[in-house]
Structures are given as C-alpha cells and as structure tokens.
C-alpha cells in the first residue's frame, strides 16, 4: 500500500521525550485520518530510544554517520511516504497542528517551512542568543539567495520526498537546515513559510546544538554556496 506521509524523527538519546512525540503524531494521524507512518532515524543512541520507538510502533532506521543533518538525510532516503514531515524528538514542536503544512503540500508546494517568530515562542523555549543568531543568519542567507524564508532554522518542515532526495543534500550537521533551503532555491523548488509554535522542550539535559560552533558552520556554508551556486544546480532529465 502506498503511503502519503512519513513523519521523520531524528533521534540521539531522546528516551525522555521520544514516546511523547510518537504518541502526539499517532493522535494526529488518527484524528486527521492520514495515510502515514512514523520513522525514527536513530543516530546510534546509547540509551533506550530504539526500544521505546519499537514499543510504540514506529519504524526505525539506523544512521551510522553522526549529526542532525545525517539523520534527516537518512530518514528521507528511507521514507515510504510521498511527503515527509520532519520535526525534533524533544517535544518542542506540536505535531498535531500541521494543517497549514499539509494544505500547502497539497496545493503544489514542494517545501513548507515553519516560522516560529510568526507562530509564537513559549517563554524559555529559545534563549535570546538563539533568537538573535537565527534572525542574523536568516537575513545573511537572504542577502545572497532572496528566499521567502525568514526562519532558516525552524526544525518543523514538510516536503515532497522525491524533490528533496533529488537535491543530493550532504551536510551532516545542524547546517543541513540552511543547506536544504538554499539548494532548493538554487533549483527553483517551490517553497513557502507558515507560522508554527515553539514550546519549551521536555528534556532534562542540554540540547545537542552548540551555538557558536554551529553558527559559524551555517555562515561558512552560506558563503560557500553563494560562491559556488552553479555547482549545486541539479541536471534535470529531459
């Protein structure tokens, strides 16, 4: 049977929050009558994340290469759905209210990205340094690429699986978030931004994000792609 949607959860030691996310997605699938699957792309977790995913009925694929981007690339390549919905496994995104994302996919958009500044950020969900960094890096990218995206780092996105797989995205770290948007723009992928909310995550540990280190990786990637954009143009079959 063909599947319409694959919900991808990149996972690295998320035993405290993974079950919450899976159950939230399952409620969304049931209440909205979606033909969908839940796929956990596990980044070699050393806790009970894989056991929890199996217990809750998710499909699991293991990503041996370390990194947020690597896990999402792996998940997209193994998705059964015509469309993918990606989001973090820490409880910070609400998977239930994704109607705007799905409606835009069905209206012909290949890539739909959330904007947390338009939808609302819960107190304590994003430190001031991250808010400044996201706005700066998004503005910096738009100086070169003029995309319709103002929140380059929102982790809640929906996209046509084949369209994103065709881009041959390759960056394994957090800069994958920028790579997806920029290379999609270079290849004239139809994209749109929609409001979404960000909640304070449910973890009892620090996030994997390294603010300064990952920020510089985003900066370097944006500059690299702006200089060599012709190299990232995908040849289309005639």
Foldseek 3Di string as FASTA:
>chain_A
DAFAEEEEEEDAQLVPQQLVVLVLLVVLCVVVVHRYAYEYAYAPHPDCNVVSCVVSPHHYDYQPDDAPLSSVLVCLVPGRHQKYKYDYRQPFFRNNPCVVQVVVVVVPAFKEAADAVVADEPPPQDDPLVVVLQQVLQVVLCVQQVDQDRRLQGGTMMGRSVLQNLQVQDDGYSLSSVVSRRLCSLQVHGYDYDYGHTYRTDDPDDDPDDRPVVSVVNVVVSVVCSVVVVVRHGDDDD
